[in-house]
PDB file of N, CA and C in Angstrom:
ATOM      1  N   UNK A   1       7.470-106.771-280.159  1.00  0.00           N
ATOM      2  CA  UNK A   1       7.089-107.431-278.611  1.00  0.00           C
ATOM      3  C   UNK A   1       6.283-106.456-278.059  1.00  0.00           C
ATOM      4  N   UNK A   2       5.070-106.979-277.540  1.00  0.00           N
ATOM      5  CA  UNK A   2       4.322-105.974-276.793  1.00  0.00           C
ATOM      6  C   UNK A   2       5.197-105.815-275.285  1.00  0.00           C
ATOM      7  N   UNK A   3       4.562-104.541-274.742  1.00  0.00           N
ATOM      8  CA  UNK A   3       5.180-104.228-273.439  1.00  0.00           C
ATOM      9  C   UNK A   3       4.400-105.023-272.335  1.00  0.00           C
ATOM     10  N   UNK A   4       5.110-105.065-271.027  1.00  0.00           N
ATOM     11  CA  UNK A   4       4.661-105.885-270.000  1.00  0.00           C
ATOM     12  C   UNK A   4       3.216-105.262-269.703  1.00  0.00           C
ATOM     13  N   UNK A   5       2.959-104.125-269.694  1.00  0.00           N
ATOM     14  CA  UNK A   5       1.669-103.763-269.501  1.00  0.00           C
ATOM     15  C   UNK A   5       0.502-104.200-270.652  1.00  0.00           C
ATOM     16  N   UNK A   6       1.073-104.136-271.660  1.00  0.00           N
ATOM     17  CA  UNK A   6      -0.045-104.920-272.824  1.00  0.00           C
ATOM     18  C   UNK A   6      -0.349-106.431-272.586  1.00  0.00           C
ATOM     19  N   UNK A   7       1.048-107.016-271.967  1.00  0.00           N
ATOM     20  CA  UNK A   7       0.759-108.423-271.807  1.00  0.00           C
ATOM     21  C   UNK A   7      -0.278-108.530-270.597  1.00  0.00           C
ATOM     22  N   UNK A   8      -0.146-107.733-269.608  1.00  0.00           N
ATOM     23  CA  UNK A   8      -0.874-108.027-268.309  1.00  0.00           C
ATOM     24  C   UNK A   8      -2.351-107.611-268.702  1.00  0.00           C
ATOM     25  N   UNK A   9      -2.597-106.782-269.631  1.00  0.00           N
ATOM     26  CA  UNK A   9      -3.988-106.367-270.086  1.00  0.00           C
ATOM     27  C   UNK A   9      -4.737-107.545-270.845  1.00  0.00           C
ATOM     28  N   UNK A  10      -3.947-107.975-271.898  1.00  0.00           N
ATOM     29  CA  UNK A  10      -4.486-109.303-272.568  1.00  0.00           C
ATOM     30  C   UNK A  10      -4.623-110.409-271.430  1.00  0.00           C
ATOM     31  N   UNK A  11      -3.682-110.397-270.633  1.00  0.00           N
ATOM     32  CA  UNK A  11      -3.858-111.744-269.589  1.00  0.00           C
ATOM     33  C   UNK A  11      -5.218-111.482-268.691  1.00  0.00           C
ATOM     34  N   UNK A  12      -5.349-110.360-268.533  1.00  0.00           N
ATOM     35  CA  UNK A  12      -6.453-109.843-267.378  1.00  0.00           C
ATOM     36  C   UNK A  12      -7.885-110.191-268.204  1.00  0.00           C
ATOM     37  N   UNK A  13      -7.698-109.915-269.692  1.00  0.00           N
ATOM     38  CA  UNK A  13      -8.995-110.073-270.329  1.00  0.00           C
ATOM     39  C   UNK A  13      -9.397-111.594-270.161  1.00  0.00           C
ATOM     40  N   UNK A  14      -8.643-112.550-270.031  1.00  0.00           N
ATOM     41  CA  UNK A  14      -8.860-113.932-269.875  1.00  0.00           C
ATOM     42  C   UNK A  14      -9.998-114.218-268.767  1.00  0.00           C
ATOM     43  N   UNK A  15      -9.886-113.578-267.559  1.00  0.00           N
ATOM     44  CA  UNK A  15     -10.646-113.903-266.623  1.00  0.00           C
ATOM     45  C   UNK A  15     -12.038-112.966-266.446  1.00  0.00           C
ATOM     46  N   UNK A  16     -13.065-113.725-266.555  1.00  0.00           N
ATOM     47  CA  UNK A  16     -14.424-113.132-266.585  1.00  0.00           C
ATOM     48  C   UNK A  16     -14.807-112.364-265.175  1.00  0.00           C
ATOM     49  N   UNK A  17     -14.431-113.162-264.180  1.00  0.00           N
ATOM     50  CA  UNK A  17     -15.201-112.551-262.847  1.00  0.00           C
ATOM     51  C   UNK A  17     -14.266-111.665-261.833  1.00  0.00           C
ATOM     52  N   UNK A  18     -13.082-111.581-262.480  1.00  0.00           N
ATOM     53  CA  UNK A  18     -11.767-110.821-261.701  1.00  0.00           C
ATOM     54  C   UNK A  18     -11.951-109.497-262.319  1.00  0.00           C
ATOM     55  N   UNK A  19     -11.797-108.398-261.411  1.00  0.00           N
ATOM     56  CA  UNK A  19     -11.497-107.130-261.824  1.00  0.00           C
ATOM     57  C   UNK A  19     -10.299-107.136-262.380  1.00  0.00           C
ATOM     58  N   UNK A  20     -10.162-106.585-263.769  1.00  0.00           N
ATOM     59  CA  UNK A  20      -8.909-106.515-264.257  1.00  0.00           C
ATOM     60  C   UNK A  20      -7.786-105.640-263.398  1.00  0.00           C
ATOM     61  N   UNK A  21      -8.236-104.656-262.835  1.00  0.00           N
ATOM     62  CA  UNK A  21      -7.260-103.865-261.900  1.00  0.00           C
ATOM     63  C   UNK A  21      -6.705-104.634-260.718  1.00  0.00           C
ATOM     64  N   UNK A  22      -7.232-106.089-260.426  1.00  0.00           N
ATOM     65  CA  UNK A  22      -6.629-106.774-259.521  1.00  0.00           C
ATOM     66  C   UNK A  22      -5.429-107.687-260.148  1.00  0.00           C
ATOM     67  N   UNK A  23      -5.295-107.469-261.418  1.00  0.00           N
ATOM     68  CA  UNK A  23      -4.316-108.264-261.991  1.00  0.00           C
ATOM     69  C   UNK A  23      -3.117-107.274-262.454  1.00  0.00           C
ATOM     70  N   UNK A  24      -1.855-107.485-261.822  1.00  0.00           N
ATOM     71  CA  UNK A  24      -0.833-106.677-262.307  1.00  0.00           C
ATOM     72  C   UNK A  24       0.367-107.638-262.437  1.00  0.00           C
ATOM     73  N   UNK A  25       1.637-106.910-263.061  1.00  0.00           N
ATOM     74  CA  UNK A  25       2.689-107.897-263.259  1.00  0.00           C
ATOM     75  C   UNK A  25       3.233-108.786-262.228  1.00  0.00           C
ATOM     76  N   UNK A  26       2.853-108.279-260.875  1.00  0.00           N
ATOM     77  CA  UNK A  26       3.442-108.983-259.728  1.00  0.00           C
ATOM     78  C   UNK A  26       2.241-110.007-259.034  1.00  0.00           C
ATOM     79  N   UNK A  27       1.155-110.142-259.748  1.00  0.00           N
ATOM     80  CA  UNK A  27       0.150-111.230-259.272  1.00  0.00           C
ATOM     81  C   UNK A  27       0.508-112.427-259.497  1.00  0.00           C
ATOM     82  N   UNK A  28       0.191-113.226-258.261  1.00  0.00           N
ATOM     83  CA  UNK A  28       0.513-114.447-258.334  1.00  0.00           C
ATOM     84  C   UNK A  28      -0.731-115.211-258.755  1.00  0.00           C
ATOM     85  N   UNK A  29      -0.817-115.333-260.225  1.00  0.00           N
ATOM     86  CA  UNK A  29      -1.906-115.677-260.974  1.00  0.00           C
ATOM     87  C   UNK A  29      -2.634-117.007-260.177  1.00  0.00           C
ATOM     88  N   UNK A  30      -1.888-118.166-259.842  1.00  0.00           N
ATOM     89  CA  UNK A  30      -2.427-119.527-259.318  1.00  0.00           C
ATOM     90  C   UNK A  30      -3.519-119.220-258.131  1.00  0.00           C
ATOM     91  N   UNK A  31      -3.063-118.084-257.385  1.00  0.00           N
ATOM     92  CA  UNK A  31      -3.760-117.695-256.232  1.00  0.00           C
ATOM     93  C   UNK A  31      -5.084-116.920-256.588  1.00  0.00           C
ATOM     94  N   UNK A  32      -5.473-116.627-257.782  1.00  0.00           N
ATOM     95  CA  UNK A  32      -6.619-116.005-258.116  1.00  0.00           C
ATOM     96  C   UNK A  32      -7.730-117.180-257.890  1.00  0.00           C
ATOM     97  N   UNK A  33      -9.013-116.534-257.344  1.00  0.00           N
ATOM     98  CA  UNK A  33     -10.111-117.449-257.197  1.00  0.00           C
ATOM     99  C   UNK A  33     -10.698-117.998-258.354  1.00  0.00           C
ATOM    100  N   UNK A  34     -10.417-117.194-259.367  1.00  0.00           N
ATOM    101  CA  UNK A  34     -10.859-117.991-260.864  1.00  0.00           C
ATOM    102  C   UNK A  34     -10.100-118.760-261.518  1.00  0.00           C
ATOM    103  N   UNK A  35      -8.862-118.743-261.130  1.00  0.00           N
ATOM    104  CA  UNK A  35      -7.756-119.576-261.820  1.00  0.00           C
ATOM    105  C   UNK A  35      -8.240-120.977-261.863  1.00  0.00           C
ATOM    106  N   UNK A  36      -8.023-121.499-263.103  1.00  0.00           N
ATOM    107  CA  UNK A  36      -8.517-123.010-263.409  1.00  0.00           C
ATOM    108  C   UNK A  36      -7.596-123.600-264.550  1.00  0.00           C
ATOM    109  N   UNK A  37      -7.467-124.714-264.884  1.00  0.00           N
ATOM    110  CA  UNK A  37      -6.711-125.348-266.001  1.00  0.00           C
ATOM    111  C   UNK A  37      -7.358-124.824-267.382  1.00  0.00           C
ATOM    112  N   UNK A  38      -8.586-124.655-267.548  1.00  0.00           N
ATOM    113  CA  UNK A  38      -9.070-123.956-268.502  1.00  0.00           C
ATOM    114  C   UNK A  38      -8.749-122.441-268.877  1.00  0.00           C
ATOM    115  N   UNK A  39      -8.401-121.729-267.957  1.00  0.00           N
ATOM    116  CA  UNK A  39      -7.668-120.436-268.177  1.00  0.00           C
ATOM    117  C   UNK A  39      -6.257-120.706-268.564  1.00  0.00           C
ATOM    118  N   UNK A  40      -5.562-121.639-267.810  1.00  0.00           N
ATOM    119  CA  UNK A  40      -4.344-121.848-268.456  1.00  0.00           C
ATOM    120  C   UNK A  40      -4.239-122.173-269.948  1.00  0.00           C
ATOM    121  N   UNK A  41      -5.152-122.981-270.232  1.00  0.00           N
ATOM    122  CA  UNK A  41      -5.225-123.281-271.636  1.00  0.00           C
ATOM    123  C   UNK A  41      -5.465-121.880-272.357  1.00  0.00           C
ATOM    124  N   UNK A  42      -6.274-121.143-272.085  1.00  0.00           N
ATOM    125  CA  UNK A  42      -6.482-119.720-272.647  1.00  0.00           C
ATOM    126  C   UNK A  42      -5.217-118.984-272.764  1.00  0.00           C
ATOM    127  N   UNK A  43      -4.492-118.941-271.819  1.00  0.00           N
ATOM    128  CA  UNK A  43      -3.149-118.325-271.674  1.00  0.00           C
ATOM    129  C   UNK A  43      -2.415-118.731-272.926  1.00  0.00           C
ATOM    130  N   UNK A  44      -2.197-120.220-272.854  1.00  0.00           N
ATOM    131  CA  UNK A  44      -1.266-120.774-274.092  1.00  0.00           C
ATOM    132  C   UNK A  44      -1.963-120.377-275.283  1.00  0.00           C
ATOM    133  N   UNK A  45      -3.446-120.263-275.490  1.00  0.00           N
ATOM    134  CA  UNK A  45      -3.965-119.879-277.041  1.00  0.00           C
ATOM    135  C   UNK A  45      -3.622-118.467-277.177  1.00  0.00           C
ATOM    136  N   UNK A  46      -3.676-117.444-275.932  1.00  0.00           N
ATOM    137  CA  UNK A  46      -3.498-116.237-276.204  1.00  0.00           C
ATOM    138  C   UNK A  46      -2.083-115.755-276.672  1.00  0.00           C
ATOM    139  N   UNK A  47      -1.054-116.397-276.078  1.00  0.00           N
ATOM    140  CA  UNK A  47       0.198-116.195-276.401  1.00  0.00           C
ATOM    141  C   UNK A  47       0.595-116.711-277.701  1.00  0.00           C
ATOM    142  N   UNK A  48      -0.086-117.729-278.128  1.00  0.00           N
ATOM    143  CA  UNK A  48       0.215-118.242-279.515  1.00  0.00           C
ATOM    144  C   UNK A  48      -0.421-117.293-280.562  1.00  0.00           C
ATOM    145  N   UNK A  49      -1.512-116.879-280.243  1.00  0.00           N
ATOM    146  CA  UNK A  49      -2.207-115.715-281.146  1.00  0.00           C
ATOM    147  C   UNK A  49      -1.430-114.547-281.205  1.00  0.00           C
ATOM    148  N   UNK A  50      -1.297-113.961-280.038  1.00  0.00           N
ATOM    149  CA  UNK A  50      -0.729-112.525-279.887  1.00  0.00           C
ATOM    150  C   UNK A  50       0.851-112.508-280.122  1.00  0.00           C
ATOM    151  N   UNK A  51       1.547-113.759-279.844  1.00  0.00           N
ATOM    152  CA  UNK A  51       3.030-113.557-279.963  1.00  0.00           C
ATOM    153  C   UNK A  51       3.607-114.554-280.975  1.00  0.00           C
ATOM    154  N   UNK A  52       2.867-115.424-281.333  1.00  0.00           N
ATOM    155  CA  UNK A  52       3.184-116.476-282.008  1.00  0.00           C
ATOM    156  C   UNK A  52       4.103-117.365-281.642  1.00  0.00           C
ATOM    157  N   UNK A  53       4.188-117.741-280.377  1.00  0.00           N
ATOM    158  CA  UNK A  53       4.922-118.534-279.385  1.00  0.00           C
ATOM    159  C   UNK A  53       4.329-119.558-278.743  1.00  0.00           C
ATOM    160  N   UNK A  54       4.610-120.840-279.052  1.00  0.00           N
ATOM    161  CA  UNK A  54       4.004-122.125-278.442  1.00  0.00           C
ATOM    162  C   UNK A  54       4.483-122.297-277.065  1.00  0.00           C
ATOM    163  N   UNK A  55       3.595-121.986-275.949  1.00  0.00           N
ATOM    164  CA  UNK A  55       4.040-122.238-274.588  1.00  0.00           C
ATOM    165  C   UNK A  55       3.469-123.627-274.260  1.00  0.00           C
ATOM    166  N   UNK A  56       4.129-124.431-273.279  1.00  0.00           N
ATOM    167  CA  UNK A  56       3.458-125.533-272.890  1.00  0.00           C
ATOM    168  C   UNK A  56       2.913-125.284-271.494  1.00  0.00           C
ATOM    169  N   UNK A  57       1.867-126.260-271.133  1.00  0.00           N
ATOM    170  CA  UNK A  57       1.493-126.390-269.856  1.00  0.00           C
ATOM    171  C   UNK A  57       2.413-126.396-268.615  1.00  0.00           C
ATOM    172  N   UNK A  58       3.577-126.733-268.686  1.00  0.00           N
ATOM    173  CA  UNK A  58       4.677-126.579-267.607  1.00  0.00           C
ATOM    174  C   UNK A  58       5.136-125.147-267.677  1.00  0.00           C
ATOM    175  N   UNK A  59       5.052-124.554-268.778  1.00  0.00           N
ATOM    176  CA  UNK A  59       5.553-123.012-268.766  1.00  0.00           C
ATOM    177  C   UNK A  59       4.649-122.392-268.014  1.00  0.00           C
ATOM    178  N   UNK A  60       3.358-122.355-267.970  1.00  0.00           N
ATOM    179  CA  UNK A  60       2.292-121.691-267.410  1.00  0.00           C
ATOM    180  C   UNK A  60       2.375-122.240-265.653  1.00  0.00           C
ATOM    181  N   UNK A  61       2.507-123.522-265.560  1.00  0.00           N
ATOM    182  CA  UNK A  61       2.481-124.098-264.149  1.00  0.00           C
ATOM    183  C   UNK A  61       3.690-123.717-263.455  1.00  0.00           C
ATOM    184  N   UNK A  62       4.809-123.376-264.011  1.00  0.00           N
ATOM    185  CA  UNK A  62       6.015-123.036-263.318  1.00  0.00           C
ATOM    186  C   UNK A  62       6.252-121.474-263.310  1.00  0.00           C
ATOM    187  N   UNK A  63       5.641-121.031-263.995  1.00  0.00           N
ATOM    188  CA  UNK A  63       5.368-119.400-263.610  1.00  0.00           C
ATOM    189  C   UNK A  63       4.644-119.078-262.377  1.00  0.00           C
ATOM    190  N   UNK A  64       5.134-117.909-261.766  1.00  0.00           N
ATOM    191  CA  UNK A  64       4.683-117.664-260.527  1.00  0.00           C
ATOM    192  C   UNK A  64       3.653-116.367-260.708  1.00  0.00           C
ATOM    193  N   UNK A  65       4.348-115.396-261.209  1.00  0.00           N
ATOM    194  CA  UNK A  65       3.720-114.110-261.557  1.00  0.00           C
ATOM    195  C   UNK A  65       3.359-113.880-262.954  1.00  0.00           C
ATOM    196  N   UNK A  66       2.628-113.069-263.204  1.00  0.00           N
ATOM    197  CA  UNK A  66       2.186-112.742-264.628  1.00  0.00           C
ATOM    198  C   UNK A  66       3.634-112.186-265.313  1.00  0.00           C
ATOM    199  N   UNK A  67       4.500-111.355-264.685  1.00  0.00           N
ATOM    200  CA  UNK A  67       5.724-111.083-265.142  1.00  0.00           C
ATOM    201  C   UNK A  67       6.569-112.308-265.627  1.00  0.00           C
ATOM    202  N   UNK A  68       6.577-113.306-264.569  1.00  0.00           N
ATOM    203  CA  UNK A  68       7.374-114.523-265.043  1.00  0.00           C
ATOM    204  C   UNK A  68       6.971-114.926-266.403  1.00  0.00           C
ATOM    205  N   UNK A  69       5.615-115.011-266.618  1.00  0.00           N
ATOM    206  CA  UNK A  69       5.192-115.683-267.824  1.00  0.00           C
ATOM    207  C   UNK A  69       5.463-114.713-268.975  1.00  0.00           C
ATOM    208  N   UNK A  70       5.452-113.429-268.787  1.00  0.00           N
ATOM    209  CA  UNK A  70       5.883-112.307-269.859  1.00  0.00           C
ATOM    210  C   UNK A  70       7.318-112.681-270.131  1.00  0.00           C
ATOM    211  N   UNK A  71       8.223-112.701-269.088  1.00  0.00           N
ATOM    212  CA  UNK A  71       9.589-112.828-269.402  1.00  0.00           C
ATOM    213  C   UNK A  71       9.811-114.227-269.883  1.00  0.00           C
ATOM    214  N   UNK A  72       9.079-115.159-269.845  1.00  0.00           N
ATOM    215  CA  UNK A  72       9.170-116.354-270.553  1.00  0.00           C
ATOM    216  C   UNK A  72       8.785-116.303-271.974  1.00  0.00           C
ATOM    217  N   UNK A  73       7.939-115.663-272.367  1.00  0.00           N
ATOM    218  CA  UNK A  73       7.455-115.264-273.736  1.00  0.00           C
ATOM    219  C   UNK A  73       8.552-114.402-274.184  1.00  0.00           C
ATOM    220  N   UNK A  74       8.997-113.367-273.587  1.00  0.00           N
ATOM    221  CA  UNK A  74       9.906-112.491-274.141  1.00  0.00           C
ATOM    222  C   UNK A  74      11.335-113.207-274.424  1.00  0.00           C
ATOM    223  N   UNK A  75      11.596-113.914-273.652  1.00  0.00           N
ATOM    224  CA  UNK A  75      12.825-114.632-273.980  1.00  0.00           C
ATOM    225  C   UNK A  75      12.859-115.754-275.040  1.00  0.00           C
ATOM    226  N   UNK A  76      11.648-115.984-275.550  1.00  0.00           N
ATOM    227  CA  UNK A  76      11.435-116.919-276.895  1.00  0.00           C
ATOM    228  C   UNK A  76      11.435-116.186-278.101  1.00  0.00           C
ATOM    229  N   UNK A  77      11.378-115.094-278.083  1.00  0.00           N
ATOM    230  CA  UNK A  77      11.484-113.884-279.267  1.00  0.00           C
ATOM    231  C   UNK A  77      12.574-113.785-280.078  1.00  0.00           C
TER     232      UNK A  77
END
């Protein structure tokens, strides 16, 4: 399992216009200006590719912070 820091780094790479340093474990990612449903789908794809775990849209929708999402992924391994 990748660490929380590694997960945050992978997560931040999905945003083209947001400085990666703005994204931390405690970032409320739905509040980011660049947040969109397309990025939500990219997160699902990244988790599937990197962790071999199938997240659903509701998993992303119900997570508040990047760490919430990481903990959801970690709990499924």
